[in-house]
Amino acid sequence: MSAVARFDLKMDVEEKELVSRAAALVGTTMAAFVRASAKEKARELLDRESRVTMSARDFQAFTMALNGTFTPNAALQHALSLAQKVKRA
């Protein structure tokens, strides 16, 4: 059996009436309606935030940067040189 967590929610009278009417329209309880609506909204938000959207021009520049040859600048070359001198245990 999965664990159950409790979440209490306070709302004003108008909000409660709105949710109650909507829940009745779909034939469910207020708790089930709020739970389903919150899960749906959370999934939409997390899905949208997990993607990167860019123009075709930006995508082309991005892929060219990924596929192009990499030349480290002087600061990076120096850092790599120092890292090679570090003795590892």
N, C-alpha and C. Protein backbone atom coordinates (compact mmCIF):
# COMPACT_ATOMS: atom_id res chain seq x y z
N MET A 1 0.85 -1.19 0.00
CA MET A 1 0.00 0.00 0.00
C MET A 1 0.88 1.24 0.00
N SER A 2 0.55 2.22 -0.81
CA SER A 2 1.36 3.43 -0.88
C SER A 2 1.02 4.37 0.28
N ALA A 3 1.98 5.18 0.65
CA ALA A 3 1.78 6.13 1.74
C ALA A 3 0.80 7.21 1.31
N VAL A 4 0.08 7.72 2.27
CA VAL A 4 -0.90 8.78 2.00
C VAL A 4 -0.47 10.02 2.77
N ALA A 5 -0.45 11.16 2.09
CA ALA A 5 -0.12 12.43 2.73
C ALA A 5 -1.36 13.32 2.72
N ARG A 6 -1.51 14.10 3.76
CA ARG A 6 -2.67 14.97 3.86
C ARG A 6 -2.29 16.39 3.44
N PHE A 7 -3.23 17.06 2.79
CA PHE A 7 -3.04 18.44 2.36
C PHE A 7 -4.34 19.18 2.62
N ASP A 8 -4.31 20.14 3.53
CA ASP A 8 -5.51 20.92 3.85
C ASP A 8 -5.50 22.21 3.04
N LEU A 9 -6.68 22.63 2.64
CA LEU A 9 -6.80 23.81 1.80
C LEU A 9 -7.95 24.68 2.29
N LYS A 10 -7.67 25.95 2.49
CA LYS A 10 -8.73 26.90 2.85
C LYS A 10 -9.04 27.74 1.63
N MET A 11 -10.33 27.98 1.42
CA MET A 11 -10.74 28.84 0.31
C MET A 11 -11.95 29.64 0.75
N ASP A 12 -12.16 30.77 0.07
CA ASP A 12 -13.32 31.57 0.44
C ASP A 12 -14.59 30.92 -0.10
N VAL A 13 -15.72 31.45 0.31
CA VAL A 13 -17.02 30.86 -0.02
C VAL A 13 -17.24 30.80 -1.53
N GLU A 14 -16.86 31.85 -2.26
CA GLU A 14 -17.05 31.87 -3.71
C GLU A 14 -16.21 30.80 -4.40
N GLU A 15 -14.97 30.65 -3.95
CA GLU A 15 -14.10 29.62 -4.53
C GLU A 15 -14.65 28.22 -4.26
N LYS A 16 -15.13 28.01 -3.04
CA LYS A 16 -15.68 26.70 -2.69
C LYS A 16 -16.90 26.39 -3.54
N GLU A 17 -17.76 27.36 -3.74
CA GLU A 17 -18.96 27.17 -4.56
C GLU A 17 -18.58 26.86 -6.01
N LEU A 18 -17.59 27.57 -6.53
CA LEU A 18 -17.12 27.34 -7.89
C LEU A 18 -16.60 25.91 -8.05
N VAL A 19 -15.74 25.49 -7.12
CA VAL A 19 -15.17 24.14 -7.18
C VAL A 19 -16.27 23.09 -6.99
N SER A 20 -17.18 23.35 -6.08
CA SER A 20 -18.28 22.42 -5.83
C SER A 20 -19.14 22.23 -7.08
N ARG A 21 -19.47 23.31 -7.75
CA ARG A 21 -20.28 23.22 -8.97
C ARG A 21 -19.54 22.48 -10.07
N ALA A 22 -18.25 22.76 -10.23
CA ALA A 22 -17.46 22.08 -11.26
C ALA A 22 -17.35 20.59 -10.95
N ALA A 23 -17.12 20.25 -9.70
CA ALA A 23 -17.02 18.84 -9.31
C ALA A 23 -18.34 18.13 -9.57
N ALA A 24 -19.44 18.78 -9.27
CA ALA A 24 -20.75 18.18 -9.51
C ALA A 24 -20.98 17.94 -11.00
N LEU A 25 -20.51 18.86 -11.84
CA LEU A 25 -20.68 18.70 -13.29
C LEU A 25 -19.99 17.45 -13.82
N VAL A 26 -18.85 17.11 -13.24
CA VAL A 26 -18.14 15.91 -13.71
C VAL A 26 -18.46 14.70 -12.85
N GLY A 27 -19.34 14.87 -11.87
CA GLY A 27 -19.81 13.74 -11.07
C GLY A 27 -18.78 13.20 -10.09
N THR A 28 -18.06 14.08 -9.44
CA THR A 28 -17.05 13.63 -8.48
C THR A 28 -17.11 14.50 -7.23
N THR A 29 -16.34 14.14 -6.24
CA THR A 29 -16.29 14.93 -5.02
C THR A 29 -15.39 16.14 -5.23
N MET A 30 -15.52 17.11 -4.34
CA MET A 30 -14.64 18.27 -4.42
C MET A 30 -13.19 17.86 -4.24
N ALA A 31 -12.93 16.98 -3.30
CA ALA A 31 -11.55 16.54 -3.05
C ALA A 31 -10.96 15.87 -4.28
N ALA A 32 -11.72 14.99 -4.90
CA ALA A 32 -11.23 14.29 -6.09
C ALA A 32 -11.03 15.27 -7.24
N PHE A 33 -11.94 16.24 -7.36
CA PHE A 33 -11.83 17.23 -8.42
C PHE A 33 -10.58 18.10 -8.24
N VAL A 34 -10.37 18.58 -7.02
CA VAL A 34 -9.20 19.42 -6.74
C VAL A 34 -7.92 18.63 -6.94
N ARG A 35 -7.90 17.38 -6.45
CA ARG A 35 -6.70 16.54 -6.61
C ARG A 35 -6.39 16.31 -8.08
N ALA A 36 -7.38 15.94 -8.87
CA ALA A 36 -7.17 15.68 -10.31
C ALA A 36 -6.75 16.95 -11.04
N SER A 37 -7.38 18.07 -10.71
CA SER A 37 -7.05 19.34 -11.37
C SER A 37 -5.63 19.78 -11.03
N ALA A 38 -5.25 19.63 -9.77
CA ALA A 38 -3.89 20.02 -9.35
C ALA A 38 -2.85 19.14 -10.02
N LYS A 39 -3.11 17.83 -10.08
CA LYS A 39 -2.16 16.92 -10.74
C LYS A 39 -2.02 17.25 -12.22
N GLU A 40 -3.14 17.52 -12.88
CA GLU A 40 -3.09 17.86 -14.30
C GLU A 40 -2.29 19.13 -14.54
N LYS A 41 -2.55 20.16 -13.74
CA LYS A 41 -1.84 21.43 -13.89
C LYS A 41 -0.35 21.26 -13.58
N ALA A 42 -0.03 20.49 -12.56
CA ALA A 42 1.38 20.26 -12.20
C ALA A 42 2.11 19.53 -13.31
N ARG A 43 1.47 18.51 -13.88
CA ARG A 43 2.11 17.77 -14.98
C ARG A 43 2.33 18.67 -16.20
N GLU A 44 1.34 19.48 -16.53
CA GLU A 44 1.48 20.41 -17.66
C GLU A 44 2.65 21.36 -17.43
N LEU A 45 2.73 21.93 -16.24
CA LEU A 45 3.80 22.87 -15.92
C LEU A 45 5.16 22.20 -15.97
N LEU A 46 5.29 21.04 -15.34
CA LEU A 46 6.57 20.33 -15.33
C LEU A 46 6.97 19.88 -16.72
N ASP A 47 6.00 19.46 -17.52
CA ASP A 47 6.29 19.06 -18.89
C ASP A 47 6.78 20.25 -19.71
N ARG A 48 6.10 21.38 -19.57
CA ARG A 48 6.48 22.58 -20.32
C ARG A 48 7.86 23.08 -19.90
N GLU A 49 8.16 23.01 -18.62
CA GLU A 49 9.44 23.50 -18.12
C GLU A 49 10.59 22.55 -18.40
N SER A 50 10.31 21.33 -18.82
CA SER A 50 11.39 20.37 -19.09
C SER A 50 11.84 20.43 -20.55
N ARG A 51 11.20 21.27 -21.35
CA ARG A 51 11.56 21.40 -22.77
C ARG A 51 12.18 22.76 -23.05
N VAL A 52 13.02 22.77 -24.06
CA VAL A 52 13.61 24.02 -24.52
C VAL A 52 12.99 24.34 -25.88
N THR A 53 12.46 25.54 -26.00
CA THR A 53 11.85 25.96 -27.26
C THR A 53 12.70 27.08 -27.85
N MET A 54 13.01 26.94 -29.13
CA MET A 54 13.81 27.98 -29.79
C MET A 54 13.41 28.09 -31.25
N SER A 55 13.78 29.20 -31.83
CA SER A 55 13.48 29.42 -33.24
C SER A 55 14.35 28.51 -34.10
N ALA A 56 13.99 28.39 -35.37
CA ALA A 56 14.78 27.56 -36.29
C ALA A 56 16.20 28.12 -36.41
N ARG A 57 16.32 29.44 -36.41
CA ARG A 57 17.64 30.07 -36.51
C ARG A 57 18.49 29.75 -35.27
N ASP A 58 17.87 29.86 -34.10
CA ASP A 58 18.58 29.54 -32.86
C ASP A 58 18.95 28.06 -32.80
N PHE A 59 18.05 27.19 -33.27
CA PHE A 59 18.34 25.76 -33.27
C PHE A 59 19.52 25.46 -34.18
N GLN A 60 19.57 26.11 -35.33
CA GLN A 60 20.68 25.90 -36.25
C GLN A 60 22.00 26.35 -35.61
N ALA A 61 21.99 27.50 -34.96
CA ALA A 61 23.20 27.99 -34.28
C ALA A 61 23.60 27.04 -33.15
N PHE A 62 22.62 26.53 -32.44
CA PHE A 62 22.88 25.60 -31.33
C PHE A 62 23.52 24.31 -31.85
N THR A 63 22.95 23.73 -32.90
CA THR A 63 23.51 22.48 -33.44
C THR A 63 24.88 22.71 -34.06
N MET A 64 25.10 23.85 -34.67
CA MET A 64 26.42 24.15 -35.22
C MET A 64 27.45 24.24 -34.09
N ALA A 65 27.05 24.85 -32.98
CA ALA A 65 27.96 24.96 -31.83
C ALA A 65 28.28 23.59 -31.26
N LEU A 66 27.29 22.72 -31.20
CA LEU A 66 27.52 21.36 -30.68
C LEU A 66 28.37 20.52 -31.62
N ASN A 67 28.14 20.66 -32.90
CA ASN A 67 28.82 19.82 -33.88
C ASN A 67 30.16 20.39 -34.34
N GLY A 68 30.40 21.65 -34.07
CA GLY A 68 31.64 22.28 -34.52
C GLY A 68 32.83 21.84 -33.69
N THR A 69 34.01 22.16 -34.17
CA THR A 69 35.22 21.83 -33.43
C THR A 69 35.37 22.80 -32.26
N PHE A 70 35.93 22.29 -31.19
CA PHE A 70 36.09 23.08 -29.98
C PHE A 70 37.54 23.48 -29.82
N THR A 71 37.78 24.75 -29.61
CA THR A 71 39.12 25.25 -29.36
C THR A 71 39.12 25.96 -28.02
N PRO A 72 39.79 25.40 -27.02
CA PRO A 72 39.78 26.04 -25.70
C PRO A 72 40.56 27.35 -25.72
N ASN A 73 40.06 28.33 -24.98
CA ASN A 73 40.76 29.61 -24.89
C ASN A 73 41.94 29.47 -23.92
N ALA A 74 42.71 30.54 -23.79
CA ALA A 74 43.93 30.49 -22.97
C ALA A 74 43.62 30.17 -21.50
N ALA A 75 42.56 30.74 -20.96
CA ALA A 75 42.22 30.49 -19.56
C ALA A 75 41.89 29.02 -19.33
N LEU A 76 41.14 28.43 -20.24
CA LEU A 76 40.80 27.01 -20.10
C LEU A 76 42.03 26.14 -20.27
N GLN A 77 42.88 26.47 -21.21
CA GLN A 77 44.11 25.70 -21.41
C GLN A 77 44.97 25.75 -20.14
N HIS A 78 45.04 26.91 -19.52
CA HIS A 78 45.81 27.05 -18.28
C HIS A 78 45.18 26.19 -17.18
N ALA A 79 43.87 26.24 -17.04
CA ALA A 79 43.18 25.45 -16.02
C ALA A 79 43.39 23.96 -16.25
N LEU A 80 43.33 23.52 -17.49
CA LEU A 80 43.57 22.11 -17.80
C LEU A 80 45.00 21.71 -17.47
N SER A 81 45.94 22.59 -17.74
CA SER A 81 47.34 22.34 -17.42
C SER A 81 47.53 22.18 -15.92
N LEU A 82 46.91 23.06 -15.15
CA LEU A 82 46.99 22.96 -13.69
C LEU A 82 46.34 21.68 -13.18
N ALA A 83 45.22 21.31 -13.77
CA ALA A 83 44.51 20.10 -13.34
C ALA A 83 45.35 18.86 -13.58
N GLN A 84 46.13 18.84 -14.64
CA GLN A 84 46.97 17.68 -14.93
C GLN A 84 48.10 17.55 -13.92
N LYS A 85 48.49 18.65 -13.29
CA LYS A 85 49.58 18.63 -12.32
C LYS A 85 49.13 18.18 -10.93
N VAL A 86 47.82 18.12 -10.71
CA VAL A 86 47.29 17.72 -9.41
C VAL A 86 47.50 16.23 -9.22
N LYS A 87 48.07 15.87 -8.05
CA LYS A 87 48.28 14.45 -7.75
C LYS A 87 47.00 13.89 -7.17
N ARG A 88 46.60 12.79 -7.71
CA ARG A 88 45.36 12.15 -7.27
C ARG A 88 45.71 10.96 -6.37
N ALA A 89 44.89 10.74 -5.38
CA ALA A 89 45.13 9.65 -4.43
C ALA A 89 44.73 8.32 -5.01
